[in-house]
Amino acid sequence: MRGEAANTTLMEDTDNCDREGKYLTFSLDQEEYGIGILKIKEIIGMMAFTSVPQTPEFVKGVINLRGKVIPVVDLRLRFGLNAIDYTERTCIIVVEIEGNSGKITIGIVVDAVSEVLNIKGDDIEDTPTFGTQLNTDYILGMAIMEGGVKILLDIDRVLGEQEISRLEKAA
């Protein structure tokens, strides 16, 4: 029994070590989120989108970023939050995610970028269970910080396989 408890603790520590590191934090509708810094390519100001027909409402369109066409997703709409008018603080975080045919670059619209934080494994709690009706696979964990809780996202899982496939075709 004692060996099992030690193994469970060791597994939990390993899991937290995998999640610790530097995160770019940003806000969406009064909440703070974080994405692992290694997924971030760059942060750009808002720019005009070209709409793509027959894409989900949260896909704002595509942009031309230095000669490369990149699909842009409004994270507020993806998470079912109310749409708002973009402000001078609204920006696009360009990230690289795992697609069906390898890595793809997409832009995600966020309300405002906050800061880069170094989050220790001890400060990260597992995602609470909200019942079977709510899919939380895209949440890596909850970082307990002085100012409250930051939701750490697994950006590769924020979009489903079908959605990623549609974005690859749009680009």
Protein backbone atom coordinates (compact mmCIF):
# COMPACT_ATOMS: atom_id res chain seq x y z
CA MET A 1 0.00 0.00 0.00
CA ARG A 2 2.77 2.38 0.92
CA GLY A 3 4.56 1.69 -2.38
CA GLU A 4 1.36 2.45 -4.33
CA ALA A 5 0.97 5.82 -2.60
CA ALA A 6 4.59 6.68 -3.37
CA ASN A 7 4.09 5.71 -7.03
CA THR A 8 0.96 7.84 -7.28
CA THR A 9 2.80 10.83 -5.82
CA LEU A 10 5.72 10.26 -8.19
CA MET A 11 3.34 10.14 -11.18
CA GLU A 12 1.61 13.36 -10.08
CA ASP A 13 4.99 15.09 -9.66
CA THR A 14 6.09 13.98 -13.15
CA ASP A 15 2.80 15.23 -14.60
CA ASN A 16 3.25 18.64 -12.97
CA CYS A 17 6.86 18.84 -14.18
CA ASP A 18 5.59 18.29 -17.73
CA ARG A 19 3.22 21.25 -17.35
CA GLU A 20 5.58 23.69 -15.63
CA GLY A 21 7.37 26.32 -17.67
CA LYS A 22 6.89 29.70 -19.30
CA TYR A 23 3.38 30.70 -20.37
CA LEU A 24 2.13 33.71 -22.30
CA THR A 25 -0.92 34.89 -20.40
CA PHE A 26 -3.84 36.77 -21.91
CA SER A 27 -7.35 37.81 -21.01
CA LEU A 28 -10.72 36.83 -22.42
CA ASP A 29 -13.89 38.16 -20.81
CA GLN A 30 -12.38 38.98 -17.38
CA GLU A 31 -10.58 35.59 -17.15
CA GLU A 32 -6.86 34.92 -17.51
CA TYR A 33 -5.54 32.13 -19.73
CA GLY A 34 -2.07 30.87 -20.58
CA ILE A 35 -0.43 29.11 -23.53
CA GLY A 36 2.97 27.45 -23.37
CA ILE A 37 5.52 29.91 -24.76
CA LEU A 38 7.00 27.26 -27.08
CA LYS A 39 3.73 27.23 -29.08
CA ILE A 40 3.84 31.00 -29.68
CA LYS A 41 5.32 32.26 -32.94
CA GLU A 42 4.56 35.96 -32.49
CA ILE A 43 2.01 38.52 -31.34
CA ILE A 44 0.61 40.97 -33.86
CA GLY A 45 -1.90 43.80 -33.77
CA MET A 46 -5.32 43.40 -35.31
CA MET A 47 -5.44 43.45 -39.08
CA ALA A 48 -8.11 43.00 -41.74
CA PHE A 49 -9.32 39.44 -42.36
CA THR A 50 -10.47 37.91 -45.61
CA SER A 51 -13.66 35.96 -44.89
CA VAL A 52 -13.80 32.32 -45.95
CA PRO A 53 -17.27 30.97 -46.80
CA GLN A 54 -18.72 27.97 -44.96
CA THR A 55 -16.42 28.19 -41.96
CA PRO A 56 -17.68 28.15 -38.35
CA GLU A 57 -18.65 31.49 -36.80
CA PHE A 58 -15.50 31.54 -34.64
CA VAL A 59 -13.24 31.44 -37.72
CA LYS A 60 -12.86 35.11 -38.57
CA GLY A 61 -11.11 34.42 -41.88
CA VAL A 62 -7.52 34.45 -43.07
CA ILE A 63 -4.73 37.03 -43.01
CA ASN A 64 -1.64 37.49 -45.11
CA LEU A 65 1.34 37.44 -42.76
CA ARG A 66 4.50 38.15 -44.72
CA GLY A 67 3.28 36.19 -47.74
CA LYS A 68 1.80 33.29 -45.79
CA VAL A 69 -1.96 32.78 -45.51
CA ILE A 70 -2.93 32.10 -41.90
CA PRO A 71 -6.43 31.23 -40.62
CA VAL A 72 -7.63 33.31 -37.66
CA VAL A 73 -9.91 32.06 -34.87
CA ASP A 74 -11.66 34.32 -32.36
CA LEU A 75 -11.07 32.48 -29.07
CA ARG A 76 -14.02 34.28 -27.41
CA LEU A 77 -16.41 32.83 -29.97
CA ARG A 78 -14.73 29.41 -29.88
CA PHE A 79 -15.35 29.25 -26.13
CA GLY A 80 -18.98 30.38 -26.51
CA LEU A 81 -18.42 33.83 -25.00
CA ASN A 82 -20.17 36.97 -26.25
CA ALA A 83 -18.56 38.77 -29.17
CA ILE A 84 -17.22 42.25 -28.44
CA ASP A 85 -15.88 45.08 -30.55
CA TYR A 86 -12.13 44.91 -30.95
CA THR A 87 -10.11 47.55 -29.10
CA GLU A 88 -6.54 48.81 -29.31
CA ARG A 89 -5.59 46.04 -26.84
CA THR A 90 -7.14 43.25 -28.92
CA CYS A 91 -4.46 41.29 -30.70
CA ILE A 92 -3.69 38.12 -32.60
CA ILE A 93 -1.39 35.52 -31.09
CA VAL A 94 0.17 33.46 -33.86
CA VAL A 95 0.59 29.86 -32.68
CA GLU A 96 1.77 26.61 -34.18
CA ILE A 97 -0.51 23.64 -33.54
CA GLU A 98 -0.45 19.98 -34.49
CA GLY A 99 -2.76 19.43 -37.45
CA ASN A 100 -3.77 16.25 -39.23
CA SER A 101 -0.97 16.70 -41.75
CA GLY A 102 1.68 18.13 -39.42
CA LYS A 103 2.16 21.54 -37.86
CA ILE A 104 -0.05 24.41 -38.96
CA THR A 105 0.12 28.06 -38.07
CA ILE A 106 -3.05 29.84 -36.95
CA GLY A 107 -3.87 33.15 -35.35
CA ILE A 108 -6.04 33.41 -32.26
CA VAL A 109 -7.78 36.66 -31.36
CA VAL A 110 -7.63 37.53 -27.65
CA ASP A 111 -8.87 40.55 -25.68
CA ALA A 112 -5.40 41.53 -24.43
CA VAL A 113 -2.00 39.96 -23.85
CA SER A 114 -0.89 40.20 -20.21
CA GLU A 115 2.61 38.87 -19.53
CA VAL A 116 4.96 35.90 -19.68
CA LEU A 117 4.96 33.93 -16.44
CA ASN A 118 7.24 31.15 -15.25
CA ILE A 119 4.78 28.75 -13.63
CA LYS A 120 6.09 26.05 -11.32
CA GLY A 121 4.60 22.56 -11.35
CA ASP A 122 3.58 22.92 -7.69
CA ASP A 123 1.36 25.87 -8.67
CA ILE A 124 -0.61 23.84 -11.23
CA GLU A 125 -3.74 21.95 -10.21
CA ASP A 126 -5.60 19.42 -12.34
CA THR A 127 -8.68 20.58 -14.19
CA PRO A 128 -11.77 20.10 -12.04
CA THR A 129 -14.41 17.69 -13.33
CA PHE A 130 -17.53 19.42 -14.52
CA GLY A 131 -19.47 16.24 -15.36
CA THR A 132 -19.69 14.30 -18.58
CA GLN A 133 -21.45 17.01 -20.58
CA LEU A 134 -18.48 19.39 -20.63
CA ASN A 135 -15.32 18.62 -22.60
CA THR A 136 -12.27 20.06 -20.82
CA ASP A 137 -9.59 18.10 -22.72
CA TYR A 138 -8.14 21.38 -24.02
CA ILE A 139 -7.32 22.57 -20.47
CA LEU A 140 -3.86 21.52 -19.25
CA GLY A 141 -4.55 22.64 -15.72
CA MET A 142 -5.24 25.57 -13.44
CA ALA A 143 -2.34 27.71 -12.28
CA ILE A 144 -2.90 29.05 -8.77
CA MET A 145 -1.29 32.49 -8.70
CA GLU A 146 -1.36 35.47 -6.31
CA GLY A 147 -3.98 37.23 -8.40
CA GLY A 148 -6.26 34.20 -8.72
CA VAL A 149 -6.46 31.30 -11.17
CA LYS A 150 -5.08 31.18 -14.70
CA ILE A 151 -6.50 28.57 -17.06
CA LEU A 152 -3.64 26.86 -18.93
CA LEU A 153 -4.66 25.78 -22.42
CA ASP A 154 -3.42 22.88 -24.52
CA ILE A 155 -3.66 24.89 -27.74
CA ASP A 156 -3.37 21.72 -29.84
CA ARG A 157 -6.72 20.57 -28.40
CA VAL A 158 -8.72 23.82 -28.44
CA LEU A 159 -9.93 22.94 -31.93
CA GLY A 160 -11.25 19.48 -32.83
CA GLU A 161 -9.83 17.37 -35.67
CA GLN A 162 -12.62 18.35 -38.08
CA GLU A 163 -12.15 22.05 -37.27
CA ILE A 164 -8.39 21.82 -37.81
CA SER A 165 -8.99 20.01 -41.09
CA ARG A 166 -11.31 22.84 -42.24
CA LEU A 167 -8.71 25.44 -41.23
CA GLU A 168 -6.01 23.61 -43.20
CA LYS A 169 -8.26 23.71 -46.27
CA ALA A 170 -9.09 27.40 -45.72
CA ALA A 171 -5.41 28.30 -45.65
